[in-house]
Amino acid sequence: MESRGKTRLIRISVWVAVLSLLLAVVSSLATALAASAHTELRSMAPASGSTATTAPTQVVLTFSEPVSTRFAAVTVTDGTGATVTDGRPTVSGATVTQPLRALRDGSYAVTYRVVSEDGHPVSGRASFSVHLERTSATAPATPAPSPSGTSAAATATPGAPSGTPSPIASAPRGVTPQPAVPWALAGVIAAAVIGGIVALGRGRPRRR
């Protein structure tokens, strides 16, 4: 009788340990899935950390999911902290567009805060720089006297621009990898069931 009681106690302890492990794994996976499901910024134009050679007229933020049209806020400031935004942002699905005033050379900071459709707030900071290209022109050439004493006027063609403005390209929308939750969960459950069967087999008393 005493041996049977010990065996039963061992079985109960094994199953309690297995169930505790399963609950911990499921809780961790649920937390990871909830965190990955939140809305996040996918791209910004001008791109964060980039240098624009033409003054952008707006900042475009693209998120992974549609955001609320009521709570979107975007602030763009220059190096002195002065705001350079022009009016309120407009929201179209997952895209938020903030008009800008005329920008000069310098660094600009972008602060945004939006609310996803499920009510989760998303905020962050980014920055970009502006370095406008200047167009240089050559001075008119001085006409040289001809041997006959007459001179012809020489016309100088202004020089071409030193460079071609590079377009501001937004970062490509990445693909969020999907976690292999079904396979991981199936593997944990299978390991737990096998462990329980082995423990029960070892704890069963042998017949003489």
Protein backbone atom coordinates (compact mmCIF):
# COMPACT_ATOMS: atom_id res chain seq x y z
CA MET A 1 0.00 0.00 0.00
CA GLU A 2 2.78 2.39 0.88
CA SER A 3 4.52 1.64 -2.43
CA ARG A 4 1.33 2.35 -4.39
CA GLY A 5 0.92 5.69 -2.59
CA LYS A 6 4.45 6.74 -3.46
CA THR A 7 3.90 5.76 -7.09
CA ARG A 8 0.72 7.78 -7.29
CA LEU A 9 2.45 10.79 -5.74
CA ILE A 10 5.24 10.55 -8.32
CA ARG A 11 2.72 10.43 -11.17
CA ILE A 12 0.89 13.49 -9.89
CA SER A 13 4.17 15.42 -9.51
CA VAL A 14 5.24 14.55 -13.07
CA TRP A 15 1.94 15.69 -14.60
CA VAL A 16 1.96 18.91 -12.58
CA ALA A 17 5.46 19.67 -13.86
CA VAL A 18 4.45 18.89 -17.45
CA LEU A 19 1.35 21.09 -17.27
CA SER A 20 3.33 23.94 -15.74
CA LEU A 21 5.85 23.75 -18.57
CA LEU A 22 3.10 23.78 -21.19
CA LEU A 23 1.39 26.79 -19.61
CA ALA A 24 4.71 28.70 -19.51
CA VAL A 25 5.42 27.98 -23.17
CA VAL A 26 1.92 28.93 -24.31
CA SER A 27 2.06 32.16 -22.28
CA SER A 28 5.42 33.11 -23.83
CA LEU A 29 4.16 32.45 -27.35
CA ALA A 30 0.99 34.46 -26.75
CA THR A 31 3.03 37.41 -25.48
CA ALA A 32 5.34 37.26 -28.50
CA LEU A 33 2.41 37.16 -30.89
CA ALA A 34 0.71 40.11 -29.21
CA ALA A 35 3.90 42.17 -29.41
CA SER A 36 4.50 41.37 -33.09
CA ALA A 37 0.91 42.26 -33.98
CA HIS A 38 1.29 45.93 -32.99
CA THR A 39 1.44 48.61 -35.67
CA GLU A 40 4.95 49.81 -36.54
CA LEU A 41 6.54 52.33 -38.88
CA ARG A 42 7.59 50.68 -42.14
CA SER A 43 9.10 53.61 -44.04
CA MET A 44 9.48 57.37 -44.14
CA ALA A 45 10.10 59.77 -47.02
CA PRO A 46 12.56 61.45 -46.86
CA ALA A 47 14.18 58.33 -45.42
CA SER A 48 15.45 58.56 -41.86
CA GLY A 49 19.13 59.52 -41.80
CA SER A 50 19.17 60.55 -45.48
CA THR A 51 20.26 63.85 -47.03
CA ALA A 52 17.92 65.47 -49.55
CA THR A 53 19.40 67.62 -52.32
CA THR A 54 16.02 69.19 -53.06
CA ALA A 55 13.79 70.67 -50.39
CA PRO A 56 10.99 68.20 -49.60
CA THR A 57 7.50 69.66 -49.40
CA GLN A 58 6.11 66.93 -47.16
CA VAL A 59 6.98 64.03 -44.88
CA VAL A 60 5.24 60.74 -45.65
CA LEU A 61 5.06 58.02 -42.97
CA THR A 62 3.93 54.52 -43.91
CA PHE A 63 2.89 52.09 -41.18
CA SER A 64 2.33 48.33 -41.21
CA GLU A 65 -1.42 48.73 -40.55
CA PRO A 66 -4.05 51.43 -41.04
CA VAL A 67 -4.09 54.10 -38.32
CA SER A 68 -6.81 56.29 -36.86
CA THR A 69 -7.57 59.52 -38.70
CA ARG A 70 -8.33 61.39 -35.48
CA PHE A 71 -5.20 61.06 -33.39
CA ALA A 72 -2.33 61.35 -35.90
CA ALA A 73 0.25 63.99 -34.95
CA VAL A 74 3.52 64.77 -36.76
CA THR A 75 6.00 67.49 -35.75
CA VAL A 76 9.03 68.51 -37.82
CA THR A 77 11.56 70.95 -36.33
CA ASP A 78 14.80 72.45 -37.62
CA GLY A 79 18.13 72.71 -35.85
CA THR A 80 16.94 75.65 -33.72
CA GLY A 81 13.81 73.83 -32.59
CA ALA A 82 11.46 75.90 -34.75
CA THR A 83 8.50 74.04 -36.25
CA VAL A 84 8.45 73.80 -40.05
CA THR A 85 5.19 71.91 -40.48
CA ASP A 86 2.42 73.50 -42.54
CA GLY A 87 -1.01 72.53 -41.24
CA ARG A 88 -2.27 69.22 -39.93
CA PRO A 89 -1.35 65.78 -41.28
CA THR A 90 -3.68 63.80 -43.51
CA VAL A 91 -4.29 60.07 -43.03
CA SER A 92 -5.11 57.61 -45.79
CA GLY A 93 -5.16 54.04 -44.54
CA ALA A 94 -1.64 53.24 -43.32
CA THR A 95 -0.09 56.42 -44.79
CA VAL A 96 0.28 59.72 -42.90
CA THR A 97 1.31 62.81 -44.89
CA GLN A 98 2.54 65.98 -43.19
CA PRO A 99 2.96 69.13 -45.38
CA LEU A 100 6.08 71.26 -44.80
CA ARG A 101 7.07 74.88 -45.26
CA ALA A 102 10.01 75.87 -47.45
CA LEU A 103 13.09 74.15 -46.02
CA ARG A 104 16.68 75.37 -46.06
CA ASP A 105 19.98 73.60 -45.57
CA GLY A 106 20.21 71.91 -42.20
CA SER A 107 19.08 69.00 -40.08
CA TYR A 108 15.44 68.28 -39.26
CA ALA A 109 13.86 66.11 -36.57
CA VAL A 110 10.57 64.27 -37.09
CA THR A 111 8.40 63.26 -34.13
CA TYR A 112 5.24 61.26 -34.76
CA ARG A 113 2.45 59.71 -32.72
CA VAL A 114 -0.44 57.72 -34.17
CA VAL A 115 -3.05 55.31 -32.84
CA SER A 116 -3.71 52.00 -34.58
CA GLU A 117 -7.23 50.81 -35.31
CA ASP A 118 -7.12 48.51 -32.27
CA GLY A 119 -6.31 51.50 -30.01
CA HIS A 120 -2.58 50.86 -29.56
CA PRO A 121 -0.51 54.11 -29.60
CA VAL A 122 2.63 54.18 -31.73
CA SER A 123 5.24 56.94 -31.42
CA GLY A 124 8.82 57.51 -32.47
CA ARG A 125 11.47 59.90 -33.74
CA ALA A 126 13.46 60.17 -36.95
CA SER A 127 15.65 62.74 -38.70
CA PHE A 128 16.89 63.81 -42.10
CA SER A 129 19.05 66.57 -43.57
CA VAL A 130 18.71 68.99 -46.48
CA HIS A 131 21.69 70.12 -48.58
CA LEU A 132 20.44 72.06 -51.57
CA GLU A 133 22.54 71.95 -54.74
CA ARG A 134 23.59 75.27 -56.27
CA THR A 135 23.74 75.99 -60.02
CA SER A 136 27.03 77.59 -61.16
CA ALA A 137 27.41 79.57 -64.43
CA THR A 138 30.59 80.64 -66.30
CA ALA A 139 31.26 84.28 -67.14
CA PRO A 140 31.02 85.42 -70.80
CA ALA A 141 34.26 84.97 -72.72
CA THR A 142 36.15 88.09 -73.90
CA PRO A 143 36.24 88.24 -77.72
CA ALA A 144 39.71 88.13 -79.26
CA PRO A 145 40.61 90.71 -81.99
CA SER A 146 40.78 89.35 -85.53
CA PRO A 147 43.78 90.00 -87.80
CA SER A 148 41.74 92.33 -90.02
CA GLY A 149 40.92 94.59 -87.05
CA THR A 150 37.33 93.46 -86.74
CA SER A 151 36.06 91.36 -83.85
CA ALA A 152 33.16 88.98 -83.58
CA ALA A 153 31.14 88.72 -80.43
CA ALA A 154 31.62 85.40 -78.67
CA THR A 155 28.79 83.96 -76.73
CA ALA A 156 29.44 81.81 -73.70
CA THR A 157 27.00 79.12 -72.79
CA PRO A 158 26.19 78.91 -69.10
CA GLY A 159 27.50 75.76 -67.47
CA ALA A 160 25.26 72.85 -66.76
CA PRO A 161 24.21 72.20 -63.19
CA SER A 162 26.86 70.55 -61.10
CA GLY A 163 24.64 67.59 -60.36
CA THR A 164 21.26 66.09 -60.80
CA PRO A 165 18.97 66.10 -57.75
CA SER A 166 18.54 62.64 -56.43
CA PRO A 167 14.98 61.56 -55.73
CA ILE A 168 13.93 60.91 -52.16
CA ALA A 169 13.03 57.28 -51.98
CA SER A 170 11.20 55.67 -49.12
CA ALA A 171 12.48 52.49 -47.61
CA PRO A 172 10.85 49.42 -49.16
CA ARG A 173 8.08 47.88 -47.16
CA GLY A 174 9.58 44.93 -45.46
CA VAL A 175 7.89 41.61 -44.92
CA THR A 176 7.39 40.72 -41.29
CA PRO A 177 8.40 37.10 -40.75
CA GLN A 178 5.66 34.92 -39.30
CA PRO A 179 6.75 32.95 -36.19
CA ALA A 180 6.59 29.17 -36.51
CA VAL A 181 4.16 28.95 -33.60
CA PRO A 182 2.26 25.77 -34.63
CA TRP A 183 5.43 23.72 -35.09
CA ALA A 184 7.03 24.96 -31.85
CA LEU A 185 3.86 24.33 -29.84
CA ALA A 186 3.38 20.85 -31.36
CA GLY A 187 6.97 19.94 -30.54
CA VAL A 188 6.63 21.04 -26.91
CA ILE A 189 3.34 19.17 -26.45
CA ALA A 190 4.78 15.99 -28.02
CA ALA A 191 7.85 16.14 -25.77
CA ALA A 192 5.65 16.64 -22.70
CA VAL A 193 3.38 13.69 -23.57
CA ILE A 194 6.36 11.38 -24.21
CA GLY A 195 7.95 12.46 -20.93
CA GLY A 196 4.73 11.75 -19.05
CA ILE A 197 4.39 8.28 -20.60
CA VAL A 198 7.99 7.42 -19.72
CA ALA A 199 7.51 8.64 -16.14
CA LEU A 200 4.33 6.60 -15.74
CA GLY A 201 6.03 3.50 -17.09
CA ARG A 202 8.90 3.83 -14.68
CA GLY A 203 6.61 4.46 -11.69
CA ARG A 204 4.35 1.39 -12.32
CA PRO A 205 5.24 -1.47 -9.87
CA ARG A 206 6.52 -4.67 -11.43
CA ARG A 207 4.68 -7.94 -10.93
CA ARG A 208 6.62 -10.76 -9.41
